[in-house]
N, C-alpha and C. Protein backbone atom coordinates (compact mmCIF):
# COMPACT_ATOMS: atom_id res chain seq x y z
N UNK A 1 62.33 46.98 47.75
CA UNK A 1 61.16 47.64 48.12
C UNK A 1 61.16 47.81 49.70
N UNK A 2 61.00 49.20 50.28
CA UNK A 2 61.26 49.30 51.71
C UNK A 2 59.93 49.11 52.60
N UNK A 3 60.04 48.36 53.53
CA UNK A 3 59.10 48.11 54.34
C UNK A 3 58.68 49.43 55.27
N UNK A 4 57.52 49.57 55.78
CA UNK A 4 56.99 50.59 56.39
C UNK A 4 56.31 50.21 57.78
N UNK A 5 56.82 50.72 58.93
CA UNK A 5 56.07 50.86 60.19
C UNK A 5 55.28 52.28 60.39
N UNK A 6 53.97 52.04 60.62
CA UNK A 6 53.29 53.39 60.44
C UNK A 6 52.41 53.47 61.82
N UNK A 7 52.46 54.74 62.45
CA UNK A 7 51.54 54.95 63.60
C UNK A 7 50.87 56.10 63.25
N UNK A 8 49.44 55.84 63.56
CA UNK A 8 48.40 57.04 63.20
C UNK A 8 47.66 57.11 64.41
N UNK A 9 47.52 58.62 65.00
CA UNK A 9 46.94 58.67 66.22
C UNK A 9 46.10 60.06 66.06
N UNK A 10 44.91 60.16 66.76
CA UNK A 10 44.12 61.19 66.87
C UNK A 10 43.01 61.15 67.75
N UNK A 11 42.14 62.20 67.76
CA UNK A 11 41.12 61.98 68.91
C UNK A 11 39.94 60.91 68.21
N UNK A 12 39.20 60.41 69.36
CA UNK A 12 38.42 59.46 69.13
C UNK A 12 37.41 60.25 68.12
N UNK A 13 36.98 59.47 67.19
CA UNK A 13 35.91 60.12 66.19
C UNK A 13 36.54 60.56 65.10
N UNK A 14 37.77 60.68 64.80
CA UNK A 14 38.49 61.32 63.82
C UNK A 14 38.79 60.21 62.52
N UNK A 15 38.29 59.20 62.72
CA UNK A 15 38.42 58.23 61.79
C UNK A 15 39.81 57.57 61.68
N UNK A 16 40.49 57.52 62.73
CA UNK A 16 41.86 57.04 62.71
C UNK A 16 41.99 55.60 62.38
N UNK A 17 41.14 54.71 63.15
CA UNK A 17 40.96 53.28 62.75
C UNK A 17 40.65 53.16 61.32
N UNK A 18 39.60 53.53 60.72
CA UNK A 18 39.30 53.29 59.54
C UNK A 18 40.40 53.78 58.66
N UNK A 19 41.10 54.85 58.84
CA UNK A 19 42.03 55.31 57.88
C UNK A 19 43.38 54.26 57.75
N UNK A 20 43.64 53.64 59.01
CA UNK A 20 44.78 52.67 59.11
C UNK A 20 44.31 51.52 58.66
N UNK A 21 43.12 51.09 58.81
CA UNK A 21 42.67 49.76 58.25
C UNK A 21 42.48 49.74 56.69
N UNK A 22 42.01 50.93 56.09
CA UNK A 22 41.93 51.19 54.72
C UNK A 22 43.50 51.07 54.09
N UNK A 23 44.39 51.75 54.78
CA UNK A 23 45.84 51.59 54.15
C UNK A 23 46.41 50.22 54.12
N UNK A 24 45.97 49.53 55.28
CA UNK A 24 46.53 48.18 55.22
C UNK A 24 45.79 47.14 54.15
N UNK A 25 44.54 47.36 54.02
CA UNK A 25 43.88 46.57 53.20
C UNK A 25 44.26 46.81 51.80
N UNK A 26 44.49 48.18 51.66
CA UNK A 26 44.91 48.60 50.17
C UNK A 26 46.37 47.94 49.91
N UNK A 27 47.30 47.77 50.90
CA UNK A 27 48.53 47.01 50.76
C UNK A 27 48.20 45.62 50.61
N UNK A 28 47.40 44.91 51.29
CA UNK A 28 47.00 43.63 50.95
C UNK A 28 46.63 43.17 49.80
N UNK A 29 45.51 43.95 49.41
CA UNK A 29 45.07 43.84 48.09
C UNK A 29 46.10 44.19 46.91
N UNK A 30 47.15 44.65 47.31
CA UNK A 30 48.21 44.96 46.30
C UNK A 30 49.27 44.05 46.37
N UNK A 31 49.00 42.84 47.06
CA UNK A 31 49.95 41.87 47.16
C UNK A 31 51.16 41.94 48.04
N UNK A 32 51.01 42.79 49.05
CA UNK A 32 52.05 43.02 49.95
C UNK A 32 51.50 42.43 51.42
N UNK A 33 52.43 42.16 52.27
CA UNK A 33 52.31 41.66 53.53
C UNK A 33 51.79 42.97 54.25
N UNK A 34 50.65 42.83 55.14
CA UNK A 34 49.94 43.93 55.56
C UNK A 34 49.31 43.56 57.05
N UNK A 35 49.74 44.39 58.10
CA UNK A 35 49.20 44.21 59.37
C UNK A 35 48.58 45.49 59.96
N UNK A 36 47.41 45.43 60.24
CA UNK A 36 46.77 46.47 61.05
C UNK A 36 46.51 46.15 62.40
N UNK A 37 46.89 47.07 63.38
CA UNK A 37 46.48 46.78 64.79
C UNK A 37 46.04 47.85 65.44
N UNK A 38 44.86 47.98 66.02
CA UNK A 38 44.30 49.02 66.85
C UNK A 38 44.98 49.05 68.16
N UNK A 39 45.05 50.33 68.76
CA UNK A 39 45.98 50.52 70.01
C UNK A 39 45.15 51.44 71.12
N UNK A 40 43.98 50.96 71.49
CA UNK A 40 43.29 51.83 72.33
C UNK A 40 43.74 52.07 73.71
N UNK A 41 44.58 51.21 74.26
CA UNK A 41 45.03 51.33 75.57
C UNK A 41 43.77 51.49 76.64
N UNK A 42 43.65 52.46 77.53
CA UNK A 42 42.65 52.46 78.51
C UNK A 42 41.76 53.62 78.16
N UNK A 43 42.10 54.20 76.89
CA UNK A 43 41.26 55.30 76.55
C UNK A 43 39.97 54.95 76.20
N UNK A 44 38.79 55.75 76.56
CA UNK A 44 37.54 55.50 76.02
C UNK A 44 37.30 56.60 75.00
N UNK A 45 35.97 56.54 74.79
CA UNK A 45 35.40 57.55 73.57
C UNK A 45 35.81 58.93 74.19
N UNK A 46 36.41 59.68 73.19
CA UNK A 46 36.92 60.90 73.48
C UNK A 46 38.26 60.96 74.02
N UNK A 47 38.92 59.86 74.03
CA UNK A 47 40.41 59.97 74.27
C UNK A 47 41.16 59.90 72.97
N UNK A 48 42.40 59.48 73.10
CA UNK A 48 43.39 59.50 71.83
C UNK A 48 43.34 58.08 71.32
N UNK A 49 43.01 58.02 70.10
CA UNK A 49 42.88 56.64 69.47
C UNK A 49 44.06 56.54 68.56
N UNK A 50 44.83 55.24 68.62
CA UNK A 50 46.04 55.21 67.96
C UNK A 50 45.97 53.77 67.25
N UNK A 51 46.60 53.52 65.97
CA UNK A 51 46.61 52.51 65.28
C UNK A 51 47.97 52.25 64.70
N UNK A 52 48.39 51.01 64.47
CA UNK A 52 49.80 50.75 64.07
C UNK A 52 49.66 49.83 62.84
N UNK A 53 50.22 50.35 61.73
CA UNK A 53 50.20 49.51 60.47
C UNK A 53 51.59 49.03 59.84
N UNK A 54 51.87 47.95 59.55
CA UNK A 54 53.16 47.66 59.01
C UNK A 54 52.72 47.01 57.60
N UNK A 55 53.50 47.42 56.74
CA UNK A 55 53.53 47.08 55.30
C UNK A 55 54.79 46.78 54.74
N UNK A 56 54.86 45.42 54.27
CA UNK A 56 56.15 45.00 53.84
C UNK A 56 56.05 44.23 52.59
N UNK A 57 56.99 43.82 51.74
CA UNK A 57 57.12 42.81 50.48
C UNK A 57 57.38 41.59 51.35
N UNK A 58 57.79 41.49 52.45
CA UNK A 58 58.31 40.12 53.11
C UNK A 58 57.51 39.88 54.34
N UNK A 59 57.53 38.72 55.01
CA UNK A 59 56.75 38.40 56.11
C UNK A 59 57.07 39.37 57.12
N UNK A 60 56.31 39.73 57.94
CA UNK A 60 56.39 40.52 59.11
C UNK A 60 56.47 39.80 60.61
N UNK A 61 57.42 40.13 60.98
CA UNK A 61 58.00 39.49 62.05
C UNK A 61 57.21 39.27 63.47
N UNK A 62 56.79 40.77 63.86
CA UNK A 62 55.93 41.05 65.11
C UNK A 62 54.89 42.13 64.91
N UNK A 63 53.73 41.95 65.53
CA UNK A 63 52.72 42.88 65.32
C UNK A 63 52.92 44.38 65.94
N UNK A 64 53.97 44.38 67.01
CA UNK A 64 54.17 45.71 67.54
C UNK A 64 55.69 45.95 67.48
N UNK A 65 56.05 47.37 67.56
CA UNK A 65 57.30 47.71 67.10
C UNK A 65 57.46 49.00 68.07
N UNK A 66 58.67 49.45 68.18
CA UNK A 66 59.33 50.32 69.08
C UNK A 66 59.31 51.86 68.62
N UNK A 67 59.79 51.71 67.21
CA UNK A 67 59.99 52.96 66.68
C UNK A 67 59.36 52.88 65.08
N UNK A 68 58.64 53.89 64.69
CA UNK A 68 57.92 53.86 63.40
C UNK A 68 58.84 54.64 62.39
N UNK A 69 58.64 54.16 61.13
CA UNK A 69 59.16 54.88 59.95
C UNK A 69 58.33 56.28 59.71
N UNK A 70 57.09 56.22 59.90
CA UNK A 70 56.20 57.20 59.70
C UNK A 70 55.13 57.34 60.86
N UNK A 71 54.97 58.54 61.38
CA UNK A 71 54.13 58.83 62.49
C UNK A 71 53.11 60.03 62.00
N UNK A 72 51.88 59.65 62.13
CA UNK A 72 50.88 60.71 61.78
C UNK A 72 49.88 61.18 62.81
N UNK A 73 49.86 62.52 63.19
CA UNK A 73 49.12 63.10 64.23
C UNK A 73 47.76 64.02 63.75
N UNK A 74 46.80 63.63 63.98
CA UNK A 74 45.62 64.34 64.01
C UNK A 74 45.08 65.48 64.82
N UNK A 75 45.96 65.50 65.97
CA UNK A 75 45.33 66.45 66.95
C UNK A 75 46.69 66.77 67.89
N UNK A 76 46.58 67.97 68.72
CA UNK A 76 47.59 68.50 69.39
C UNK A 76 47.83 67.14 70.52
N UNK A 77 46.76 66.60 71.01
CA UNK A 77 47.17 65.55 72.18
C UNK A 77 47.88 64.27 71.60
N UNK A 78 47.42 64.09 70.15
CA UNK A 78 48.12 62.86 69.63
C UNK A 78 49.75 62.95 69.41
N UNK A 79 50.10 64.30 69.22
CA UNK A 79 51.62 64.63 68.95
C UNK A 79 52.19 64.09 70.17
N UNK A 80 51.59 64.46 71.31
CA UNK A 80 52.56 63.94 72.66
C UNK A 80 52.22 62.37 72.89
N UNK A 81 51.25 61.87 72.37
CA UNK A 81 50.88 60.40 72.38
C UNK A 81 51.65 59.54 71.61
N UNK A 82 52.29 60.05 70.59
CA UNK A 82 53.17 59.18 69.63
C UNK A 82 54.50 59.54 69.69
N UNK A 83 55.01 60.26 70.65
CA UNK A 83 56.34 60.73 70.79
C UNK A 83 57.19 59.56 71.06
N UNK A 84 56.75 58.44 71.65
CA UNK A 84 57.67 57.37 72.06
C UNK A 84 57.95 56.54 70.60
N UNK A 85 57.34 56.74 69.75
CA UNK A 85 57.46 56.20 68.66
C UNK A 85 58.40 56.81 67.44
N UNK A 86 58.70 57.94 67.86
CA UNK A 86 59.39 58.66 66.99
C UNK A 86 61.05 58.64 67.36
N UNK A 87 61.73 58.45 66.15
CA UNK A 87 63.22 58.40 66.54
C UNK A 87 63.72 59.47 65.42
N UNK A 88 65.28 59.61 65.27
CA UNK A 88 65.92 60.49 64.32
C UNK A 88 65.41 60.43 62.78
N UNK A 89 65.09 59.25 62.57
CA UNK A 89 64.67 59.13 61.15
C UNK A 89 63.36 59.03 60.76
N UNK A 90 62.45 59.19 61.84
CA UNK A 90 61.03 59.04 61.61
C UNK A 90 60.49 60.22 60.94
N UNK A 91 59.61 59.87 59.83
CA UNK A 91 58.95 60.95 59.19
C UNK A 91 57.56 61.28 59.81
N UNK A 92 57.24 62.59 60.16
CA UNK A 92 56.05 63.06 60.86
C UNK A 92 55.20 63.80 60.04
N UNK A 93 53.88 63.41 59.77
CA UNK A 93 52.80 64.03 59.21
C UNK A 93 52.07 64.48 60.28
N UNK A 94 51.69 65.70 60.30
CA UNK A 94 50.59 66.27 61.21
C UNK A 94 49.67 67.26 60.57
N UNK A 95 48.47 67.26 61.14
CA UNK A 95 47.41 68.31 60.79
C UNK A 95 47.54 69.46 61.30
N UNK A 96 48.14 70.42 60.49
CA UNK A 96 48.55 71.60 61.04
C UNK A 96 47.50 72.67 61.40
N UNK A 97 46.25 72.43 60.99
CA UNK A 97 45.09 73.08 61.46
C UNK A 97 44.67 72.66 62.97
N UNK A 98 45.27 71.56 63.57
CA UNK A 98 44.84 71.04 64.69
C UNK A 98 43.39 70.79 65.16
N UNK A 99 43.07 69.66 64.34
CA UNK A 99 41.52 69.43 64.38
C UNK A 99 41.01 69.14 65.92
N UNK A 100 39.93 69.82 66.16
CA UNK A 100 39.15 69.54 67.26
C UNK A 100 38.37 68.26 67.30
N UNK A 101 38.54 67.40 68.24
CA UNK A 101 37.88 66.07 68.14
C UNK A 101 36.33 66.21 67.94
N UNK A 102 35.79 65.58 66.80
CA UNK A 102 34.44 65.45 66.43
C UNK A 102 33.64 64.48 67.41
N UNK A 103 32.56 64.52 67.73
CA UNK A 103 31.62 63.61 68.40
C UNK A 103 31.01 62.61 67.66
N UNK A 104 31.78 61.88 66.97
CA UNK A 104 31.08 60.85 65.84
C UNK A 104 31.95 59.51 66.06
N UNK A 105 31.71 58.40 65.36
CA UNK A 105 32.10 57.17 65.78
C UNK A 105 33.42 57.06 65.02
N UNK A 106 34.41 56.26 65.60
CA UNK A 106 35.77 56.08 65.19
C UNK A 106 35.76 55.37 63.88
N UNK A 107 34.70 54.83 63.36
CA UNK A 107 34.50 53.91 62.18
C UNK A 107 34.54 54.92 60.91
N UNK A 108 34.32 56.23 61.00
CA UNK A 108 34.33 57.09 60.15
C UNK A 108 35.38 57.11 58.86
N UNK A 109 34.99 57.13 57.75
CA UNK A 109 35.75 57.29 56.50
C UNK A 109 35.26 58.51 55.83
N UNK A 110 35.97 59.46 55.91
CA UNK A 110 35.32 60.64 54.93
C UNK A 110 33.90 60.98 55.34
N UNK A 111 33.02 60.83 54.48
CA UNK A 111 31.61 61.46 54.50
C UNK A 111 30.63 60.43 54.77
N UNK A 112 31.13 59.06 55.30
CA UNK A 112 30.30 57.84 55.25
C UNK A 112 29.23 58.00 56.65
N UNK A 113 29.48 59.04 57.56
CA UNK A 113 28.64 59.04 58.68
C UNK A 113 27.62 60.19 58.76
N UNK A 114 27.07 60.57 57.53
CA UNK A 114 25.94 61.65 57.68
C UNK A 114 25.00 61.50 58.77
N UNK A 115 24.54 60.22 58.84
CA UNK A 115 23.43 59.86 59.76
C UNK A 115 23.84 59.84 61.53
N UNK A 116 25.21 60.25 61.66
CA UNK A 116 25.55 60.25 63.02
C UNK A 116 25.31 61.74 63.81
N UNK A 117 25.81 62.70 62.88
CA UNK A 117 25.69 64.05 63.44
C UNK A 117 25.53 64.93 62.37
N UNK A 118 24.74 66.00 62.30
CA UNK A 118 24.46 66.73 61.22
C UNK A 118 25.96 67.46 60.62
N UNK A 119 26.16 67.58 59.43
CA UNK A 119 27.46 68.16 58.72
C UNK A 119 27.77 69.38 59.38
N UNK A 120 26.77 70.29 59.58
CA UNK A 120 27.04 71.61 60.02
C UNK A 120 27.61 71.54 61.48
N UNK A 121 27.31 70.65 62.24
CA UNK A 121 27.80 70.58 63.66
C UNK A 121 29.36 70.15 63.58
N UNK A 122 29.34 68.98 62.48
CA UNK A 122 30.90 68.47 62.52
C UNK A 122 31.66 69.53 62.28
N UNK A 123 31.31 70.41 61.20
CA UNK A 123 32.02 71.54 60.58
C UNK A 123 32.63 72.43 61.71
N UNK A 124 31.71 72.58 62.79
CA UNK A 124 32.16 73.37 64.02
C UNK A 124 33.20 72.77 64.65
N UNK A 125 32.98 71.51 64.95
CA UNK A 125 33.92 70.66 65.73
C UNK A 125 35.33 70.33 65.25
N UNK A 126 35.42 70.60 63.80
CA UNK A 126 36.69 70.09 63.23
C UNK A 126 37.58 71.44 62.82
N UNK A 127 36.94 72.57 63.14
CA UNK A 127 37.71 73.85 62.85
C UNK A 127 38.83 74.04 63.88
N UNK A 128 39.87 74.77 63.64
CA UNK A 128 41.00 74.94 64.45
C UNK A 128 40.47 76.32 65.29
N UNK A 129 41.10 76.46 66.39
CA UNK A 129 40.86 77.62 67.23
C UNK A 129 41.62 78.85 66.72
N UNK A 130 40.80 79.79 66.32
CA UNK A 130 41.47 80.99 65.96
C UNK A 130 42.41 81.71 67.04
N UNK A 131 43.62 82.15 66.51
CA UNK A 131 44.49 82.73 67.55
C UNK A 131 45.27 81.79 68.23
N UNK A 132 45.25 80.52 68.13
CA UNK A 132 46.03 79.49 68.85
C UNK A 132 47.14 79.18 68.09
N UNK A 133 48.39 79.01 68.58
CA UNK A 133 49.47 78.79 67.69
C UNK A 133 49.49 77.21 67.30
N UNK A 134 49.95 76.97 66.12
CA UNK A 134 50.08 75.59 65.64
C UNK A 134 51.47 75.08 66.28
N UNK A 135 51.32 74.09 66.95
CA UNK A 135 52.52 73.42 67.29
C UNK A 135 52.97 72.18 66.43
N UNK A 136 54.08 72.42 65.90
CA UNK A 136 54.49 71.23 64.99
C UNK A 136 55.21 70.25 65.90
N UNK A 137 55.71 69.19 65.25
CA UNK A 137 56.37 68.15 66.03
C UNK A 137 57.73 68.70 66.22
N UNK A 138 58.50 68.28 67.31
CA UNK A 138 59.90 68.55 67.38
C UNK A 138 60.89 67.74 66.59
N UNK A 139 60.61 67.78 65.21
CA UNK A 139 61.45 66.88 64.41
C UNK A 139 61.69 67.51 62.96
N UNK A 140 62.65 67.34 62.48
CA UNK A 140 63.07 68.12 61.15
C UNK A 140 62.22 67.68 60.03
N UNK A 141 62.14 66.23 60.00
CA UNK A 141 61.67 65.43 59.15
C UNK A 141 60.07 65.38 59.27
N UNK A 142 59.45 66.67 59.03
CA UNK A 142 57.88 66.61 59.33
C UNK A 142 57.40 67.24 58.07
N UNK A 143 55.91 66.74 57.91
CA UNK A 143 55.37 67.46 56.82
C UNK A 143 54.00 67.96 57.68
N UNK A 144 53.61 69.15 57.28
CA UNK A 144 52.55 69.89 57.73
C UNK A 144 51.38 69.70 56.71
N UNK A 145 50.14 69.29 56.94
CA UNK A 145 49.12 69.14 55.96
C UNK A 145 47.86 69.90 56.73
N UNK A 146 47.46 70.94 56.22
CA UNK A 146 46.14 71.58 56.74
C UNK A 146 44.95 70.96 56.31
N UNK A 147 44.92 69.59 56.68
CA UNK A 147 43.72 68.88 56.19
C UNK A 147 42.37 69.40 56.46
N UNK A 148 42.00 69.69 57.72
CA UNK A 148 40.75 70.22 58.29
C UNK A 148 40.29 71.44 57.44
N UNK A 149 41.41 72.43 57.47
CA UNK A 149 40.99 73.72 56.71
C UNK A 149 40.79 73.37 55.09
N UNK A 150 41.68 72.44 54.52
CA UNK A 150 41.53 72.04 53.18
C UNK A 150 40.07 71.43 52.77
N UNK A 151 39.74 70.56 53.80
CA UNK A 151 38.49 69.75 53.58
C UNK A 151 37.30 70.82 53.71
N UNK A 152 37.44 71.60 54.49
CA UNK A 152 36.25 72.65 54.75
C UNK A 152 36.12 73.55 53.59
N UNK A 153 37.36 74.04 52.89
CA UNK A 153 37.08 74.97 51.96
C UNK A 153 36.78 74.38 50.70
N UNK A 154 37.34 73.26 50.33
CA UNK A 154 37.29 72.66 49.05
C UNK A 154 36.45 71.52 48.81
N UNK A 155 36.16 70.65 49.91
CA UNK A 155 35.21 69.51 49.87
C UNK A 155 34.10 69.38 50.74
N UNK A 156 34.38 68.94 51.84
CA UNK A 156 33.57 68.80 52.80
C UNK A 156 34.60 68.52 54.42
N UNK A 157 34.11 68.82 55.41
CA UNK A 157 34.86 68.83 56.82
C UNK A 157 35.18 67.37 56.77
N UNK A 158 34.30 66.42 56.61
CA UNK A 158 34.39 64.99 57.03
C UNK A 158 35.43 64.24 56.24
N UNK A 159 35.84 64.81 55.17
CA UNK A 159 36.87 64.10 54.50
C UNK A 159 38.47 64.46 54.84
N UNK A 160 38.55 65.18 55.72
CA UNK A 160 39.84 65.75 56.18
C UNK A 160 40.83 64.29 56.43
N UNK A 161 40.32 63.35 56.87
CA UNK A 161 41.08 62.23 57.21
C UNK A 161 41.55 61.46 55.84
N UNK A 162 40.92 61.66 54.71
CA UNK A 162 41.30 61.06 53.37
C UNK A 162 42.33 61.91 52.81
N UNK A 163 42.42 63.09 53.25
CA UNK A 163 43.41 64.09 52.65
C UNK A 163 44.81 63.55 53.34
N UNK A 164 44.67 63.32 54.78
CA UNK A 164 45.69 62.74 55.40
C UNK A 164 46.24 61.39 54.76
N UNK A 165 45.28 60.57 54.52
CA UNK A 165 45.64 59.30 53.97
C UNK A 165 46.27 59.38 52.71
N UNK A 166 45.82 60.40 51.70
CA UNK A 166 46.50 60.72 50.60
C UNK A 166 48.01 61.00 50.53
N UNK A 167 48.17 61.92 51.82
CA UNK A 167 49.49 62.30 51.90
C UNK A 167 50.49 61.08 52.54
N UNK A 168 49.88 60.18 53.28
CA UNK A 168 50.56 58.97 53.70
C UNK A 168 51.03 58.28 52.53
N UNK A 169 50.10 57.93 51.55
CA UNK A 169 50.28 57.28 50.35
C UNK A 169 51.53 57.94 49.58
N UNK A 170 51.59 59.14 49.48
CA UNK A 170 52.54 59.84 48.65
C UNK A 170 53.95 59.43 49.37
N UNK A 171 54.05 59.53 50.82
CA UNK A 171 55.27 59.37 51.27
C UNK A 171 55.79 57.85 51.36
N UNK A 172 54.97 56.92 51.57
CA UNK A 172 55.34 55.50 51.50
C UNK A 172 55.66 54.91 50.48
N UNK A 173 54.97 55.37 49.22
CA UNK A 173 55.24 54.98 47.84
C UNK A 173 54.84 53.40 47.53
N UNK A 174 54.98 52.58 48.76
CA UNK A 174 54.78 51.21 48.51
C UNK A 174 53.30 50.78 48.18
N UNK A 175 52.40 51.69 48.35
CA UNK A 175 51.04 51.51 48.08
C UNK A 175 50.64 52.58 47.04
N UNK A 176 49.92 52.26 45.95
CA UNK A 176 49.53 52.99 44.82
C UNK A 176 48.16 53.60 45.56
N UNK A 177 48.08 54.98 44.95
CA UNK A 177 46.76 55.68 45.20
C UNK A 177 45.47 54.98 44.68
N UNK A 178 45.80 54.17 43.52
CA UNK A 178 44.44 53.51 43.00
C UNK A 178 44.20 52.22 43.93
N UNK A 179 45.15 51.66 44.48
CA UNK A 179 44.88 50.49 45.44
C UNK A 179 43.95 50.99 46.54
N UNK A 180 44.49 52.06 47.08
CA UNK A 180 43.58 52.80 48.14
C UNK A 180 42.35 53.05 47.86
N UNK A 181 41.94 53.58 46.60
CA UNK A 181 40.74 53.95 45.97
C UNK A 181 39.99 52.43 46.19
N UNK A 182 40.53 51.50 45.45
CA UNK A 182 39.78 50.16 45.39
C UNK A 182 39.57 49.52 46.68
N UNK A 183 40.44 49.92 47.91
CA UNK A 183 40.14 49.49 49.23
C UNK A 183 38.94 50.15 49.67
N UNK A 184 38.80 51.48 49.46
CA UNK A 184 37.52 52.28 49.79
C UNK A 184 36.36 51.77 49.00
N UNK A 185 36.52 51.36 47.73
CA UNK A 185 35.25 50.80 47.02
C UNK A 185 34.85 49.42 47.76
N UNK A 186 35.77 48.82 48.21
CA UNK A 186 35.40 47.61 48.89
C UNK A 186 34.86 47.88 50.03
N UNK A 187 35.35 48.59 50.98
CA UNK A 187 34.70 49.02 52.21
C UNK A 187 33.39 49.72 52.35
N UNK A 188 33.21 50.81 51.14
CA UNK A 188 32.14 51.47 51.26
C UNK A 188 31.29 51.36 50.00
N UNK A 189 31.20 50.18 49.37
CA UNK A 189 30.45 49.81 48.24
C UNK A 189 28.98 50.39 48.30
N UNK A 190 28.35 49.99 49.30
CA UNK A 190 26.95 50.33 49.37
C UNK A 190 26.59 51.69 49.48
N UNK A 191 27.58 52.31 50.31
CA UNK A 191 27.42 53.97 50.58
C UNK A 191 27.67 54.79 49.30
N UNK A 192 28.77 54.22 48.74
CA UNK A 192 29.13 54.92 47.41
C UNK A 192 28.19 54.69 46.24
N UNK A 193 27.31 53.45 46.22
CA UNK A 193 26.34 53.42 45.17
C UNK A 193 25.13 54.25 45.59
N UNK A 194 24.92 54.23 46.99
CA UNK A 194 23.72 55.14 47.36
C UNK A 194 23.92 56.64 47.11
N UNK A 195 25.18 57.11 47.21
CA UNK A 195 25.53 58.33 47.25
C UNK A 195 26.75 58.61 46.26
N UNK A 196 26.80 58.75 45.04
CA UNK A 196 27.84 59.02 44.26
C UNK A 196 28.78 60.02 44.67
N UNK A 197 28.30 61.29 45.00
CA UNK A 197 29.04 62.29 45.61
C UNK A 197 29.87 61.88 46.74
N UNK A 198 29.48 61.05 47.52
CA UNK A 198 30.31 60.42 48.80
C UNK A 198 31.60 59.98 48.13
N UNK A 199 31.64 58.99 47.10
CA UNK A 199 32.69 58.55 46.37
C UNK A 199 33.58 59.80 45.83
N UNK A 200 33.05 60.56 45.25
CA UNK A 200 33.65 61.73 44.69
C UNK A 200 34.48 62.73 45.62
N UNK A 201 33.88 62.96 46.71
CA UNK A 201 34.53 63.54 47.56
C UNK A 201 35.78 62.89 48.16
N UNK A 202 35.63 61.76 48.61
CA UNK A 202 36.51 60.72 49.26
C UNK A 202 37.72 60.51 48.29
N UNK A 203 37.41 60.45 46.94
CA UNK A 203 38.55 60.21 46.04
C UNK A 203 39.32 61.45 45.83
N UNK A 204 38.63 62.79 45.70
CA UNK A 204 39.32 63.90 45.57
C UNK A 204 40.15 64.24 46.70
N UNK A 205 39.45 63.95 48.02
CA UNK A 205 40.38 64.35 48.98
C UNK A 205 41.77 63.48 49.27
N UNK A 206 41.52 62.17 48.87
CA UNK A 206 42.87 61.52 48.68
C UNK A 206 43.78 62.00 47.63
N UNK A 207 43.30 62.46 46.51
CA UNK A 207 44.26 63.06 45.59
C UNK A 207 44.72 64.27 46.10
N UNK A 208 44.11 65.25 46.84
CA UNK A 208 44.51 66.49 47.24
C UNK A 208 45.71 66.18 48.26
N UNK A 209 45.32 65.28 49.24
CA UNK A 209 46.54 64.98 50.17
C UNK A 209 47.77 64.36 49.34
N UNK A 210 47.58 63.53 48.33
CA UNK A 210 48.67 63.12 47.55
C UNK A 210 49.44 64.15 46.89
N UNK A 211 48.94 65.16 46.39
CA UNK A 211 49.36 66.18 45.55
C UNK A 211 50.22 67.27 46.45
N UNK A 212 49.86 67.20 47.74
CA UNK A 212 50.58 68.29 48.51
C UNK A 212 51.92 67.60 48.64
N UNK A 213 51.94 66.35 48.75
CA UNK A 213 53.50 65.63 48.96
C UNK A 213 54.07 65.41 47.50
N UNK A 214 53.43 64.70 46.69
CA UNK A 214 54.12 64.27 45.47
C UNK A 214 53.91 64.88 44.27
N UNK A 215 52.80 65.86 44.17
CA UNK A 215 52.61 66.73 42.99
C UNK A 215 51.27 66.49 42.23
N UNK A 216 50.90 66.79 41.35
CA UNK A 216 49.62 66.61 40.72
C UNK A 216 49.31 65.12 40.47
N UNK A 217 48.12 64.79 40.60
CA UNK A 217 47.72 63.43 40.25
C UNK A 217 47.23 63.42 38.61
N UNK A 218 47.54 62.70 37.80
CA UNK A 218 47.19 62.67 36.42
C UNK A 218 46.32 61.40 36.23
N UNK A 219 44.91 61.79 35.92
CA UNK A 219 44.03 60.79 35.74
C UNK A 219 43.56 60.52 34.46
N UNK A 220 43.24 59.41 33.77
CA UNK A 220 42.85 59.05 32.49
C UNK A 220 41.53 59.96 32.44
N UNK A 221 41.31 60.10 31.13
CA UNK A 221 39.97 60.71 30.73
C UNK A 221 40.09 62.25 30.83
């Protein structure tokens, strides 16, 4: 079983840290060694937020690393911010709709922050700029995921990060999609009970991202 070093980066408010923490929690609950490490540097709110995750069937030697197996960028600025972690064999996932930084808490997972900012305002801030070229990473091993556009069209703008998380799961394969859902259930139990649609949107977003990379998800029932 292959160990993974993952770097996720995006604008402050895009749920980078919550995404990374959920991935690590899912791996840990699945019996793997997992380490999540936020890396804010000197950036303040509105800057680029970066998280490092390691998942392994064996003990993890060090919390930091130089090169990642997988790098994920949720904005144009984070593509540049993660360049140092990319090598010739690094897989690169990026949001090809180039999400504009939303002005909400970096603790967001999908729809959980309705009380922070009105959904319609969030939708405006997560749209790509018409007419601007999409700049992909300078790597052959890249996967473009139009997460913001898909979330806006098919579910809700706030779940775009869950689409990205689903794609990550499909790439690394070491963590099951159901384990990620269980991790979200653990993190958002009270919110899911209060709003069942919140659960439905987050889980469907995970499946959409997974399907883009691995094919259709087959669920029981």
